[in-house]
Amino acid sequence: MALDFYSFAKGVVSSVLKPLYRVEVIGIEHFPKEGGVLLCSNHISNLDPPIVGITAPRPIYFMAKEELFRVPVLKKLLPPLHAFPVKRGMSDRQALRTGLEVLKQGHVLGIFPEGTRSKDGKLKKGLSGVGFFALRTDAQVVPCAIIGPYRPLKKLKVVYGAPIAIDSLRERKASPEEATEYIMSHIQALLDAYQ
């Protein structure tokens, strides 16, 4: 049932947003066809989750701020759209457990490592949670860059990079902070290459 609703919602949202923002998708061939994927993107707008959701070739599970689940309509709508709550500004163990489970079951977990939108469009420092997920699972890590502006009929690019080699960091037990920095450098490289 949830997947049917997800597919339906993806079709509806896609039919509105793709022509409105003239969405161009680059690098989709890099996206792993199966297995756990940690999808890491920059964050410039509230529309980033639906834009990533409609351009990625597989269903995505997103962490969504807990406050959204207090809104009656969203509380019912978000779970079938594969969103689960996360408390911002603190280590939310339940959200971390849910995220690990999503990856271990071979699904795609979408994360915006900056934790909040960038006001000036420049990539900010990433939070260590993304490094935690990258190091604690064998999921493939895919960087993504959303290149705006979000203005009607102005082209919006969504760039998917090739999976990042994380194995050496896992083997030498790197810190989550170090892994996050490494992932952020790949997102920045995509922004530099396609802006």
Protein backbone atom coordinates (compact mmCIF):
# COMPACT_ATOMS: atom_id res chain seq x y z
CA MET A 1 0.00 0.00 0.00
CA ALA A 2 2.75 2.46 1.03
CA LEU A 3 4.73 1.88 -2.16
CA ASP A 4 1.61 2.37 -4.30
CA PHE A 5 0.92 5.69 -2.58
CA TYR A 6 4.59 6.67 -2.91
CA SER A 7 4.54 5.95 -6.66
CA PHE A 8 1.27 7.84 -7.09
CA ALA A 9 2.57 10.86 -5.14
CA LYS A 10 5.85 10.78 -7.10
CA GLY A 11 3.91 10.90 -10.38
CA VAL A 12 1.74 13.82 -9.25
CA VAL A 13 4.61 15.88 -7.79
CA SER A 14 6.79 15.14 -10.81
CA SER A 15 4.14 16.37 -13.25
CA VAL A 16 4.08 19.73 -11.40
CA LEU A 17 7.71 20.35 -10.40
CA LYS A 18 9.61 19.02 -13.43
CA PRO A 19 8.08 21.44 -15.95
CA LEU A 20 7.83 24.31 -13.44
CA TYR A 21 11.56 24.26 -12.66
CA ARG A 22 12.72 22.74 -15.97
CA VAL A 23 14.47 20.03 -13.96
CA GLU A 24 17.58 18.58 -15.58
CA VAL A 25 18.93 15.34 -14.10
CA ILE A 26 22.62 14.53 -14.57
CA GLY A 27 24.51 11.36 -13.64
CA ILE A 28 21.49 9.12 -12.99
CA GLU A 29 23.49 6.23 -14.48
CA HIS A 30 25.69 6.32 -11.34
CA PHE A 31 22.79 5.43 -9.06
CA PRO A 32 23.12 1.85 -7.71
CA LYS A 33 20.24 -0.33 -8.90
CA GLU A 34 20.09 -2.37 -5.70
CA GLY A 35 21.39 -2.59 -2.14
CA GLY A 36 21.53 0.01 0.60
CA VAL A 37 22.31 3.55 -0.59
CA LEU A 38 23.09 6.58 1.56
CA LEU A 39 22.11 9.52 -0.65
CA CYS A 40 23.72 12.77 0.56
CA SER A 41 22.66 16.11 -0.89
CA ASN A 42 23.15 19.81 -0.28
CA HIS A 43 20.10 21.65 1.07
CA ILE A 44 18.92 24.94 -0.45
CA SER A 45 15.10 24.78 -0.29
CA ASN A 46 12.13 23.11 1.40
CA LEU A 47 11.47 21.61 -2.03
CA ASP A 48 14.73 19.63 -1.99
CA PRO A 49 13.19 16.38 -0.61
CA PRO A 50 10.45 16.19 -3.28
CA ILE A 51 12.94 17.19 -6.02
CA VAL A 52 15.34 14.41 -4.99
CA GLY A 53 12.38 12.06 -4.56
CA ILE A 54 11.10 12.57 -8.11
CA THR A 55 14.52 12.46 -9.80
CA ALA A 56 16.04 9.43 -8.03
CA PRO A 57 15.31 6.11 -9.75
CA ARG A 58 14.44 4.32 -6.49
CA PRO A 59 12.11 5.15 -3.58
CA ILE A 60 13.84 7.20 -0.87
CA TYR A 61 13.37 7.19 2.90
CA PHE A 62 13.90 10.63 4.44
CA MET A 63 14.36 11.88 7.98
CA ALA A 64 11.92 14.74 8.55
CA LYS A 65 11.96 17.17 11.46
CA GLU A 66 9.78 15.95 14.30
CA GLU A 67 7.65 19.12 14.27
CA LEU A 68 6.14 18.11 10.91
CA PHE A 69 4.66 14.97 12.49
CA ARG A 70 2.67 17.15 14.90
CA VAL A 71 0.65 18.61 12.00
CA PRO A 72 -2.45 16.36 11.73
CA VAL A 73 -2.51 16.11 7.91
CA LEU A 74 1.27 15.56 7.62
CA LYS A 75 1.25 13.01 10.44
CA LYS A 76 -0.90 10.75 8.23
CA LEU A 77 0.79 11.67 4.94
CA LEU A 78 4.49 11.44 5.83
CA PRO A 79 4.85 7.73 6.80
CA PRO A 80 3.46 6.41 3.46
CA LEU A 81 5.92 8.81 1.79
CA HIS A 82 8.74 6.99 3.64
CA ALA A 83 9.48 9.86 6.03
CA PHE A 84 10.34 9.24 9.67
CA PRO A 85 10.82 11.78 12.48
CA VAL A 86 14.12 13.10 13.79
CA LYS A 87 14.62 15.47 16.73
CA ARG A 88 16.84 18.32 15.60
CA GLY A 89 19.73 19.68 17.61
CA MET A 90 20.40 16.52 19.60
CA SER A 91 21.45 12.94 19.09
CA ASP A 92 18.20 11.13 18.30
CA ARG A 93 18.93 7.44 18.90
CA GLN A 94 15.60 6.24 17.57
CA ALA A 95 16.08 8.12 14.28
CA LEU A 96 19.62 6.72 13.99
CA ARG A 97 18.33 3.17 14.58
CA THR A 98 15.57 3.65 11.97
CA GLY A 99 18.10 5.02 9.46
CA LEU A 100 20.46 2.08 10.01
CA GLU A 101 17.58 -0.35 9.56
CA VAL A 102 16.53 1.32 6.28
CA LEU A 103 20.08 0.88 4.92
CA LYS A 104 20.50 -2.68 6.24
CA GLN A 105 17.27 -3.69 4.51
CA GLY A 106 18.76 -2.52 1.21
CA HIS A 107 16.74 0.69 0.81
CA VAL A 108 17.80 4.26 -0.03
CA LEU A 109 18.20 6.71 2.86
CA GLY A 110 18.19 10.35 1.77
CA ILE A 111 20.05 12.79 4.00
CA PHE A 112 20.82 16.51 3.90
CA PRO A 113 24.04 16.51 5.97
CA GLU A 114 23.94 20.27 6.62
CA GLY A 115 20.85 19.62 8.76
CA THR A 116 19.16 22.85 7.69
CA ARG A 117 18.83 24.93 4.53
CA SER A 118 21.73 27.08 3.38
CA LYS A 119 20.53 30.69 3.19
CA ASP A 120 23.16 31.75 0.64
CA GLY A 121 23.30 28.53 -1.39
CA LYS A 122 26.87 27.79 -0.27
CA LEU A 123 27.56 24.34 1.19
CA LYS A 124 27.80 24.43 4.98
CA LYS A 125 29.59 22.08 7.36
CA GLY A 126 27.94 18.64 7.54
CA LEU A 127 26.69 17.05 10.75
CA SER A 128 28.38 13.87 11.96
CA GLY A 129 25.21 11.76 11.63
CA VAL A 130 25.89 11.21 7.93
CA GLY A 131 29.38 9.92 8.72
CA PHE A 132 27.87 7.62 11.35
CA PHE A 133 25.56 6.02 8.74
CA ALA A 134 28.37 5.75 6.18
CA LEU A 135 30.72 3.99 8.63
CA ARG A 136 28.21 1.75 10.40
CA THR A 137 26.74 0.08 7.30
CA ASP A 138 28.05 -1.28 4.01
CA ALA A 139 25.67 0.99 2.07
CA GLN A 140 26.98 2.71 -1.03
CA VAL A 141 27.33 6.47 -0.51
CA VAL A 142 26.07 8.62 -3.38
CA PRO A 143 26.69 12.40 -3.41
CA CYS A 144 24.05 14.67 -4.92
CA ALA A 145 24.07 18.38 -5.78
CA ILE A 146 20.95 20.49 -6.28
CA ILE A 147 21.86 23.58 -8.25
CA GLY A 148 19.22 26.32 -8.25
CA PRO A 149 17.66 28.79 -8.30
CA TYR A 150 14.16 27.57 -7.49
CA ARG A 151 12.50 30.04 -9.85
CA PRO A 152 9.67 29.12 -12.20
CA LEU A 153 10.93 28.24 -15.68
CA LYS A 154 14.60 28.72 -14.68
CA LYS A 155 16.58 25.50 -15.05
CA LEU A 156 17.20 23.49 -11.88
CA LYS A 157 19.92 20.82 -12.01
CA VAL A 158 20.04 17.67 -9.91
CA VAL A 159 23.45 16.01 -10.23
CA TYR A 160 24.15 12.48 -8.98
CA GLY A 161 27.81 11.59 -8.51
CA ALA A 162 29.38 8.15 -8.65
CA PRO A 163 29.35 6.21 -5.35
CA ILE A 164 32.12 7.39 -3.01
CA ALA A 165 34.85 4.94 -1.93
CA ILE A 166 34.34 4.69 1.84
CA ASP A 167 35.98 1.29 2.49
CA SER A 168 39.37 2.69 3.53
CA LEU A 169 37.66 4.95 6.10
CA ARG A 170 35.68 1.97 7.43
CA GLU A 171 38.81 -0.20 7.65
CA ARG A 172 40.81 2.31 9.64
CA LYS A 173 37.84 3.16 11.83
CA ALA A 174 37.76 6.83 10.90
CA SER A 175 35.61 9.17 13.00
CA PRO A 176 32.09 10.10 11.85
CA GLU A 177 33.30 13.71 11.56
CA GLU A 178 36.09 12.69 9.19
CA ALA A 179 33.72 10.58 7.07
CA THR A 180 31.24 13.47 6.93
CA GLU A 181 33.95 15.89 5.79
CA TYR A 182 34.98 13.43 3.06
CA ILE A 183 31.38 13.10 1.82
CA MET A 184 30.85 16.87 1.89
CA SER A 185 33.97 17.36 -0.24
CA HIS A 186 32.36 15.16 -2.93
CA ILE A 187 29.13 17.19 -2.83
CA GLN A 188 31.22 20.37 -3.14
CA ALA A 189 33.08 18.88 -6.13
CA LEU A 190 29.73 18.32 -7.90
CA LEU A 191 28.65 21.89 -7.14
CA ASP A 192 31.97 23.22 -8.50
CA ALA A 193 31.74 21.11 -11.65
CA TYR A 194 28.13 21.91 -12.61
CA GLN A 195 27.34 25.39 -11.26
